[in-house]
Amino acid sequence: MKIKVLGPGCARCHRLEQTVKDVVKELAVDASIEEVKDVKKIMAYPILTTPGLVVNEELVCSGKVPDKAEVTQLIVNALEKQQRGDRK
């Protein structure tokens, strides 16, 4: 699983990144977490405000810092989607 935190490196971006790291560790998910600060790379996604959260190249959240429960649900949903895709 590939996870990206989109943003300029502000406190909100760092808080989202830390939450993602905590959730990935708790769920024991094999994931790479990347912080994307380059504006051109960020604009490649349909995002208007940061921070943004991208899971497996799908923008799943933007413009807010989701709480731990929401991040957990977003990652679980992506895992389920990934597993369904692997069966096809």
PDB file of N, CA and C in Angstrom:
ATOM      1  N   MET A   1       0.834  -1.163   0.000  1.00  0.00           N
ATOM      2  CA  MET A   1       0.000   0.000   0.000  1.00  0.00           C
ATOM      3  C   MET A   1       0.890   1.240   0.000  1.00  0.00           C
ATOM      4  N   LYS A   2       0.496   2.226  -0.806  1.00  0.00           N
ATOM      5  CA  LYS A   2       1.226   3.482  -0.881  1.00  0.00           C
ATOM      6  C   LYS A   2       0.340   4.593  -0.331  1.00  0.00           C
ATOM      7  N   ILE A   3       0.883   5.327   0.640  1.00  0.00           N
ATOM      8  CA  ILE A   3       0.150   6.413   1.260  1.00  0.00           C
ATOM      9  C   ILE A   3       0.969   7.680   1.106  1.00  0.00           C
ATOM     10  N   LYS A   4       0.296   8.764   0.708  1.00  0.00           N
ATOM     11  CA  LYS A   4       0.960  10.052   0.555  1.00  0.00           C
ATOM     12  C   LYS A   4       0.208  11.107   1.361  1.00  0.00           C
ATOM     13  N   VAL A   5       0.966  11.932   2.058  1.00  0.00           N
ATOM     14  CA  VAL A   5       0.413  13.089   2.742  1.00  0.00           C
ATOM     15  C   VAL A   5       0.817  14.299   1.908  1.00  0.00           C
ATOM     16  N   LEU A   6      -0.179  15.006   1.383  1.00  0.00           N
ATOM     17  CA  LEU A   6       0.075  16.153   0.517  1.00  0.00           C
ATOM     18  C   LEU A   6       0.000  17.442   1.324  1.00  0.00           C
ATOM     19  N   GLY A   7       1.014  18.284   1.198  1.00  0.00           N
ATOM     20  CA  GLY A   7       0.991  19.566   1.874  1.00  0.00           C
ATOM     21  C   GLY A   7       2.368  20.176   1.960  1.00  0.00           C
ATOM     22  N   PRO A   8       2.417  21.458   2.345  1.00  0.00           N
ATOM     23  CA  PRO A   8       3.677  22.189   2.362  1.00  0.00           C
ATOM     24  C   PRO A   8       4.596  21.864   3.543  1.00  0.00           C
ATOM     25  N   GLY A   9       4.141  21.036   4.456  1.00  0.00           N
ATOM     26  CA  GLY A   9       4.970  20.707   5.612  1.00  0.00           C
ATOM     27  C   GLY A   9       4.557  21.475   6.855  1.00  0.00           C
ATOM     28  N   CYS A  10       3.330  21.949   6.873  1.00  0.00           N
ATOM     29  CA  CYS A  10       2.815  22.709   8.014  1.00  0.00           C
ATOM     30  C   CYS A  10       2.487  21.770   9.186  1.00  0.00           C
ATOM     31  N   ALA A  11       2.101  22.350  10.293  1.00  0.00           N
ATOM     32  CA  ALA A  11       1.781  21.564  11.486  1.00  0.00           C
ATOM     33  C   ALA A  11       0.627  20.589  11.222  1.00  0.00           C
ATOM     34  N   ARG A  12      -0.368  21.018  10.454  1.00  0.00           N
ATOM     35  CA  ARG A  12      -1.505  20.132  10.135  1.00  0.00           C
ATOM     36  C   ARG A  12      -1.043  18.929   9.307  1.00  0.00           C
ATOM     37  N   CYS A  13      -0.126  19.164   8.388  1.00  0.00           N
ATOM     38  CA  CYS A  13       0.409  18.075   7.554  1.00  0.00           C
ATOM     39  C   CYS A  13       1.180  17.077   8.418  1.00  0.00           C
ATOM     40  N   HIS A  14       1.988  17.599   9.329  1.00  0.00           N
ATOM     41  CA  HIS A  14       2.761  16.723  10.206  1.00  0.00           C
ATOM     42  C   HIS A  14       1.849  15.925  11.136  1.00  0.00           C
ATOM     43  N   ARG A  15       0.777  16.557  11.607  1.00  0.00           N
ATOM     44  CA  ARG A  15      -0.174  15.860  12.482  1.00  0.00           C
ATOM     45  C   ARG A  15      -0.858  14.722  11.719  1.00  0.00           C
ATOM     46  N   LEU A  16      -1.255  14.986  10.455  1.00  0.00           N
ATOM     47  CA  LEU A  16      -1.871  13.941   9.631  1.00  0.00           C
ATOM     48  C   LEU A  16      -0.877  12.813   9.382  1.00  0.00           C
ATOM     49  N   GLU A  17       0.358  13.158   9.060  1.00  0.00           N
ATOM     50  CA  GLU A  17       1.371  12.132   8.804  1.00  0.00           C
ATOM     51  C   GLU A  17       1.585  11.252  10.039  1.00  0.00           C
ATOM     52  N   GLN A  18       1.643  11.864  11.221  1.00  0.00           N
ATOM     53  CA  GLN A  18       1.837  11.092  12.445  1.00  0.00           C
ATOM     54  C   GLN A  18       0.650  10.177  12.722  1.00  0.00           C
ATOM     55  N   THR A  19      -0.549  10.677  12.484  1.00  0.00           N
ATOM     56  CA  THR A  19      -1.749   9.849  12.665  1.00  0.00           C
ATOM     57  C   THR A  19      -1.712   8.659  11.721  1.00  0.00           C
ATOM     58  N   VAL A  20      -1.340   8.896  10.468  1.00  0.00           N
ATOM     59  CA  VAL A  20      -1.237   7.815   9.482  1.00  0.00           C
ATOM     60  C   VAL A  20      -0.215   6.780   9.943  1.00  0.00           C
ATOM     61  N   LYS A  21       0.944   7.236  10.406  1.00  0.00           N
ATOM     62  CA  LYS A  21       1.979   6.309  10.877  1.00  0.00           C
ATOM     63  C   LYS A  21       1.468   5.475  12.051  1.00  0.00           C
ATOM     64  N   ASP A  22       0.757   6.111  12.977  1.00  0.00           N
ATOM     65  CA  ASP A  22       0.207   5.388  14.132  1.00  0.00           C
ATOM     66  C   ASP A  22      -0.787   4.322  13.701  1.00  0.00           C
ATOM     67  N   VAL A  23      -1.678   4.677  12.778  1.00  0.00           N
ATOM     68  CA  VAL A  23      -2.703   3.734  12.311  1.00  0.00           C
ATOM     69  C   VAL A  23      -2.068   2.577  11.553  1.00  0.00           C
ATOM     70  N   VAL A  24      -1.114   2.873  10.680  1.00  0.00           N
ATOM     71  CA  VAL A  24      -0.438   1.824   9.907  1.00  0.00           C
ATOM     72  C   VAL A  24       0.253   0.846  10.854  1.00  0.00           C
ATOM     73  N   LYS A  25       0.882   1.380  11.888  1.00  0.00           N
ATOM     74  CA  LYS A  25       1.570   0.526  12.862  1.00  0.00           C
ATOM     75  C   LYS A  25       0.560  -0.338  13.620  1.00  0.00           C
ATOM     76  N   GLU A  26      -0.535   0.256  14.075  1.00  0.00           N
ATOM     77  CA  GLU A  26      -1.540  -0.484  14.837  1.00  0.00           C
ATOM     78  C   GLU A  26      -2.203  -1.580  14.002  1.00  0.00           C
ATOM     79  N   LEU A  27      -2.444  -1.277  12.724  1.00  0.00           N
ATOM     80  CA  LEU A  27      -3.085  -2.260  11.842  1.00  0.00           C
ATOM     81  C   LEU A  27      -2.084  -3.261  11.265  1.00  0.00           C
ATOM     82  N   ALA A  28      -0.802  -3.024  11.495  1.00  0.00           N
ATOM     83  CA  ALA A  28       0.268  -3.866  10.954  1.00  0.00           C
ATOM     84  C   ALA A  28       0.159  -3.984   9.428  1.00  0.00           C
ATOM     85  N   VAL A  29      -0.044  -2.832   8.799  1.00  0.00           N
ATOM     86  CA  VAL A  29      -0.183  -2.771   7.346  1.00  0.00           C
ATOM     87  C   VAL A  29       1.190  -2.550   6.731  1.00  0.00           C
ATOM     88  N   ASP A  30       1.461  -3.275   5.646  1.00  0.00           N
ATOM     89  CA  ASP A  30       2.692  -3.073   4.899  1.00  0.00           C
ATOM     90  C   ASP A  30       2.459  -1.874   3.984  1.00  0.00           C
ATOM     91  N   ALA A  31       2.967  -0.711   4.392  1.00  0.00           N
ATOM     92  CA  ALA A  31       2.701   0.510   3.636  1.00  0.00           C
ATOM     93  C   ALA A  31       3.925   1.406   3.608  1.00  0.00           C
ATOM     94  N   SER A  32       4.061   2.106   2.490  1.00  0.00           N
ATOM     95  CA  SER A  32       5.068   3.158   2.415  1.00  0.00           C
ATOM     96  C   SER A  32       4.328   4.476   2.594  1.00  0.00           C
ATOM     97  N   ILE A  33       4.911   5.359   3.387  1.00  0.00           N
ATOM     98  CA  ILE A  33       4.296   6.652   3.653  1.00  0.00           C
ATOM     99  C   ILE A  33       5.238   7.729   3.135  1.00  0.00           C
ATOM    100  N   GLU A  34       4.710   8.568   2.263  1.00  0.00           N
ATOM    101  CA  GLU A  34       5.518   9.607   1.632  1.00  0.00           C
ATOM    102  C   GLU A  34       4.894  10.972   1.913  1.00  0.00           C
ATOM    103  N   GLU A  35       5.730  11.928   2.237  1.00  0.00           N
ATOM    104  CA  GLU A  35       5.289  13.306   2.419  1.00  0.00           C
ATOM    105  C   GLU A  35       5.583  14.040   1.117  1.00  0.00           C
ATOM    106  N   VAL A  36       4.543  14.570   0.470  1.00  0.00           N
ATOM    107  CA  VAL A  36       4.692  15.260  -0.806  1.00  0.00           C
ATOM    108  C   VAL A  36       4.528  16.757  -0.567  1.00  0.00           C
ATOM    109  N   LYS A  37       5.621  17.504  -0.755  1.00  0.00           N
ATOM    110  CA  LYS A  37       5.611  18.948  -0.508  1.00  0.00           C
ATOM    111  C   LYS A  37       5.655  19.765  -1.804  1.00  0.00           C
ATOM    112  N   ASP A  38       6.040  19.135  -2.896  1.00  0.00           N
ATOM    113  CA  ASP A  38       6.177  19.816  -4.178  1.00  0.00           C
ATOM    114  C   ASP A  38       4.789  20.203  -4.712  1.00  0.00           C
ATOM    115  N   VAL A  39       4.581  21.496  -4.924  1.00  0.00           N
ATOM    116  CA  VAL A  39       3.271  22.008  -5.342  1.00  0.00           C
ATOM    117  C   VAL A  39       2.814  21.378  -6.661  1.00  0.00           C
ATOM    118  N   LYS A  40       3.723  21.200  -7.599  1.00  0.00           N
ATOM    119  CA  LYS A  40       3.345  20.609  -8.889  1.00  0.00           C
ATOM    120  C   LYS A  40       2.863  19.173  -8.708  1.00  0.00           C
ATOM    121  N   LYS A  41       3.514  18.431  -7.839  1.00  0.00           N
ATOM    122  CA  LYS A  41       3.093  17.051  -7.578  1.00  0.00           C
ATOM    123  C   LYS A  41       1.762  17.020  -6.834  1.00  0.00           C
ATOM    124  N   ILE A  42       1.576  17.956  -5.913  1.00  0.00           N
ATOM    125  CA  ILE A  42       0.307  18.028  -5.180  1.00  0.00           C
ATOM    126  C   ILE A  42      -0.840  18.334  -6.138  1.00  0.00           C
ATOM    127  N   MET A  43      -0.604  19.257  -7.068  1.00  0.00           N
ATOM    128  CA  MET A  43      -1.653  19.664  -8.001  1.00  0.00           C
ATOM    129  C   MET A  43      -2.003  18.581  -9.024  1.00  0.00           C
ATOM    130  N   ALA A  44      -1.242  17.502  -9.056  1.00  0.00           N
ATOM    131  CA  ALA A  44      -1.574  16.378  -9.935  1.00  0.00           C
ATOM    132  C   ALA A  44      -2.818  15.649  -9.420  1.00  0.00           C
ATOM    133  N   TYR A  45      -3.208  15.947  -8.182  1.00  0.00           N
ATOM    134  CA  TYR A  45      -4.394  15.337  -7.579  1.00  0.00           C
ATOM    135  C   TYR A  45      -5.510  16.382  -7.541  1.00  0.00           C
ATOM    136  N   PRO A  46      -6.772  15.932  -7.511  1.00  0.00           N
ATOM    137  CA  PRO A  46      -7.895  16.885  -7.466  1.00  0.00           C
ATOM    138  C   PRO A  46      -8.063  17.486  -6.063  1.00  0.00           C
ATOM    139  N   ILE A  47      -7.113  18.311  -5.663  1.00  0.00           N
ATOM    140  CA  ILE A  47      -7.089  18.865  -4.313  1.00  0.00           C
ATOM    141  C   ILE A  47      -7.109  20.385  -4.379  1.00  0.00           C
ATOM    142  N   LEU A  48      -7.941  20.991  -3.534  1.00  0.00           N
ATOM    143  CA  LEU A  48      -8.010  22.443  -3.471  1.00  0.00           C
ATOM    144  C   LEU A  48      -7.307  22.994  -2.240  1.00  0.00           C
ATOM    145  N   THR A  49      -7.379  22.257  -1.129  1.00  0.00           N
ATOM    146  CA  THR A  49      -6.720  22.703   0.092  1.00  0.00           C
ATOM    147  C   THR A  49      -5.984  21.530   0.738  1.00  0.00           C
ATOM    148  N   THR A  50      -4.904  21.863   1.419  1.00  0.00           N
ATOM    149  CA  THR A  50      -4.121  20.837   2.103  1.00  0.00           C
ATOM    150  C   THR A  50      -4.472  20.853   3.581  1.00  0.00           C
ATOM    151  N   PRO A  51      -4.166  19.824   4.303  1.00  0.00           N
ATOM    152  CA  PRO A  51      -3.448  18.641   3.844  1.00  0.00           C
ATOM    153  C   PRO A  51      -4.363  17.699   3.062  1.00  0.00           C
ATOM    154  N   GLY A  52      -3.732  16.836   2.310  1.00  0.00           N
ATOM    155  CA  GLY A  52      -4.460  15.822   1.571  1.00  0.00           C
ATOM    156  C   GLY A  52      -3.901  14.452   1.892  1.00  0.00           C
ATOM    157  N   LEU A  53      -4.765  13.465   1.789  1.00  0.00           N
ATOM    158  CA  LEU A  53      -4.349  12.084   2.040  1.00  0.00           C
ATOM    159  C   LEU A  53      -4.664  11.253   0.808  1.00  0.00           C
ATOM    160  N   VAL A  54      -3.635  10.615   0.272  1.00  0.00           N
ATOM    161  CA  VAL A  54      -3.766   9.776  -0.917  1.00  0.00           C
ATOM    162  C   VAL A  54      -3.406   8.351  -0.518  1.00  0.00           C
ATOM    163  N   VAL A  55      -4.299   7.416  -0.825  1.00  0.00           N
ATOM    164  CA  VAL A  55      -4.044   6.007  -0.544  1.00  0.00           C
ATOM    165  C   VAL A  55      -4.155   5.247  -1.857  1.00  0.00           C
ATOM    166  N   ASN A  56      -3.075   4.585  -2.220  1.00  0.00           N
ATOM    167  CA  ASN A  56      -3.009   3.851  -3.490  1.00  0.00           C
ATOM    168  C   ASN A  56      -3.435   4.725  -4.664  1.00  0.00           C
ATOM    169  N   GLU A  57      -2.879   5.930  -4.695  1.00  0.00           N
ATOM    170  CA  GLU A  57      -3.089   6.921  -5.761  1.00  0.00           C
ATOM    171  C   GLU A  57      -4.518   7.442  -5.845  1.00  0.00           C
ATOM    172  N   GLU A  58      -5.314   7.268  -4.807  1.00  0.00           N
ATOM    173  CA  GLU A  58      -6.669   7.825  -4.756  1.00  0.00           C
ATOM    174  C   GLU A  58      -6.733   8.844  -3.621  1.00  0.00           C
ATOM    175  N   LEU A  59      -7.131  10.075  -3.966  1.00  0.00           N
ATOM    176  CA  LEU A  59      -7.299  11.107  -2.948  1.00  0.00           C
ATOM    177  C   LEU A  59      -8.519  10.741  -2.109  1.00  0.00           C
ATOM    178  N   VAL A  60      -8.297  10.484  -0.826  1.00  0.00           N
ATOM    179  CA  VAL A  60      -9.401  10.036   0.039  1.00  0.00           C
ATOM    180  C   VAL A  60      -9.833  11.106   1.034  1.00  0.00           C
ATOM    181  N   CYS A  61      -9.033  12.159   1.194  1.00  0.00           N
ATOM    182  CA  CYS A  61      -9.376  13.208   2.144  1.00  0.00           C
ATOM    183  C   CYS A  61      -8.543  14.438   1.824  1.00  0.00           C
ATOM    184  N   SER A  62      -9.166  15.631   1.936  1.00  0.00           N
ATOM    185  CA  SER A  62      -8.390  16.857   1.742  1.00  0.00           C
ATOM    186  C   SER A  62      -9.019  18.010   2.503  1.00  0.00           C
ATOM    187  N   GLY A  63      -8.163  18.962   2.852  1.00  0.00           N
ATOM    188  CA  GLY A  63      -8.626  20.180   3.488  1.00  0.00           C
ATOM    189  C   GLY A  63      -8.878  20.095   4.976  1.00  0.00           C
ATOM    190  N   LYS A  64      -8.581  18.950   5.574  1.00  0.00           N
ATOM    191  CA  LYS A  64      -8.778  18.806   7.015  1.00  0.00           C
ATOM    192  C   LYS A  64      -7.833  17.745   7.553  1.00  0.00           C
ATOM    193  N   VAL A  65      -7.725  17.699   8.861  1.00  0.00           N
ATOM    194  CA  VAL A  65      -6.939  16.656   9.505  1.00  0.00           C
ATOM    195  C   VAL A  65      -7.945  15.684  10.113  1.00  0.00           C
ATOM    196  N   PRO A  66      -8.157  14.536   9.446  1.00  0.00           N
ATOM    197  CA  PRO A  66      -9.114  13.568   9.985  1.00  0.00           C
ATOM    198  C   PRO A  66      -8.606  12.971  11.291  1.00  0.00           C
ATOM    199  N   ASP A  67      -9.536  12.594  12.160  1.00  0.00           N
ATOM    200  CA  ASP A  67      -9.115  11.981  13.416  1.00  0.00           C
ATOM    201  C   ASP A  67      -8.660  10.548  13.177  1.00  0.00           C
ATOM    202  N   LYS A  68      -8.135   9.942  14.211  1.00  0.00           N
ATOM    203  CA  LYS A  68      -7.550   8.600  14.098  1.00  0.00           C
ATOM    204  C   LYS A  68      -8.569   7.578  13.602  1.00  0.00           C
ATOM    205  N   ALA A  69      -9.802   7.668  14.085  1.00  0.00           N
ATOM    206  CA  ALA A  69     -10.843   6.723  13.665  1.00  0.00           C
ATOM    207  C   ALA A  69     -11.131   6.846  12.171  1.00  0.00           C
ATOM    208  N   GLU A  70     -11.161   8.077  11.679  1.00  0.00           N
ATOM    209  CA  GLU A  70     -11.428   8.284  10.258  1.00  0.00           C
ATOM    210  C   GLU A  70     -10.267   7.786   9.397  1.00  0.00           C
ATOM    211  N   VAL A  71      -9.049   8.053   9.817  1.00  0.00           N
ATOM    212  CA  VAL A  71      -7.880   7.560   9.079  1.00  0.00           C
ATOM    213  C   VAL A  71      -7.880   6.035   9.057  1.00  0.00           C
ATOM    214  N   THR A  72      -8.206   5.439  10.188  1.00  0.00           N
ATOM    215  CA  THR A  72      -8.286   3.972  10.258  1.00  0.00           C
ATOM    216  C   THR A  72      -9.300   3.459   9.250  1.00  0.00           C
ATOM    217  N   GLN A  73     -10.482   4.074   9.199  1.00  0.00           N
ATOM    218  CA  GLN A  73     -11.524   3.629   8.274  1.00  0.00           C
ATOM    219  C   GLN A  73     -11.087   3.806   6.819  1.00  0.00           C
ATOM    220  N   LEU A  74     -10.430   4.910   6.513  1.00  0.00           N
ATOM    221  CA  LEU A  74      -9.964   5.153   5.144  1.00  0.00           C
ATOM    222  C   LEU A  74      -8.947   4.092   4.717  1.00  0.00           C
ATOM    223  N   ILE A  75      -8.048   3.726   5.611  1.00  0.00           N
ATOM    224  CA  ILE A  75      -7.037   2.715   5.288  1.00  0.00           C
ATOM    225  C   ILE A  75      -7.678   1.330   5.176  1.00  0.00           C
ATOM    226  N   VAL A  76      -8.592   1.014   6.079  1.00  0.00           N
ATOM    227  CA  VAL A  76      -9.296  -0.277   6.006  1.00  0.00           C
ATOM    228  C   VAL A  76     -10.078  -0.370   4.700  1.00  0.00           C
ATOM    229  N   ASN A  77     -10.757   0.700   4.322  1.00  0.00           N
ATOM    230  CA  ASN A  77     -11.502   0.703   3.058  1.00  0.00           C
ATOM    231  C   ASN A  77     -10.566   0.468   1.873  1.00  0.00           C
ATOM    232  N   ALA A  78      -9.404   1.099   1.899  1.00  0.00           N
ATOM    233  CA  ALA A  78      -8.437   0.922   0.813  1.00  0.00           C
ATOM    234  C   ALA A  78      -7.904  -0.507   0.775  1.00  0.00           C
ATOM    235  N   LEU A  79      -7.684  -1.089   1.944  1.00  0.00           N
ATOM    236  CA  LEU A  79      -7.231  -2.485   2.000  1.00  0.00           C
ATOM    237  C   LEU A  79      -8.272  -3.419   1.407  1.00  0.00           C
ATOM    238  N   GLU A  80      -9.536  -3.196   1.758  1.00  0.00           N
ATOM    239  CA  GLU A  80     -10.616  -4.033   1.225  1.00  0.00           C
ATOM    240  C   GLU A  80     -10.719  -3.873  -0.283  1.00  0.00           C
ATOM    241  N   LYS A  81     -10.614  -2.640  -0.760  1.00  0.00           N
ATOM    242  CA  LYS A  81     -10.672  -2.376  -2.191  1.00  0.00           C
ATOM    243  C   LYS A  81      -9.496  -3.060  -2.901  1.00  0.00           C
ATOM    244  N   GLN A  82      -8.322  -2.990  -2.290  1.00  0.00           N
ATOM    245  CA  GLN A  82      -7.119  -3.617  -2.841  1.00  0.00           C
ATOM    246  C   GLN A  82      -7.295  -5.126  -2.917  1.00  0.00           C
ATOM    247  N   GLN A  83      -7.856  -5.726  -1.892  1.00  0.00           N
ATOM    248  CA  GLN A  83      -8.065  -7.180  -1.873  1.00  0.00           C
ATOM    249  C   GLN A  83      -9.074  -7.601  -2.927  1.00  0.00           C
ATOM    250  N   ARG A  84     -10.132  -6.821  -3.092  1.00  0.00           N
ATOM    251  CA  ARG A  84     -11.122  -7.129  -4.123  1.00  0.00           C
ATOM    252  C   ARG A  84     -10.497  -7.044  -5.512  1.00  0.00           C
ATOM    253  N   GLY A  85      -9.610  -6.078  -5.696  1.00  0.00           N
ATOM    254  CA  GLY A  85      -8.926  -5.904  -6.977  1.00  0.00           C
ATOM    255  C   GLY A  85      -7.968  -7.041  -7.264  1.00  0.00           C
ATOM    256  N   ASP A  86      -7.356  -7.611  -6.216  1.00  0.00           N
ATOM    257  CA  ASP A  86      -6.415  -8.708  -6.385  1.00  0.00           C
ATOM    258  C   ASP A  86      -7.108  -9.989  -6.846  1.00  0.00           C
ATOM    259  N   ARG A  87      -8.388 -10.099  -6.533  1.00  0.00           N
ATOM    260  CA  ARG A  87      -9.118 -11.313  -6.908  1.00  0.00           C
ATOM    261  C   ARG A  87      -9.570 -11.330  -8.353  1.00  0.00           C
ATOM    262  N   LYS A  88      -9.564 -10.164  -8.985  1.00  0.00           N
ATOM    263  CA  LYS A  88     -10.073 -10.081 -10.370  1.00  0.00           C
ATOM    264  C   LYS A  88      -9.066 -10.608 -11.345  1.00  0.00           C
TER     265      LYS A  88
END
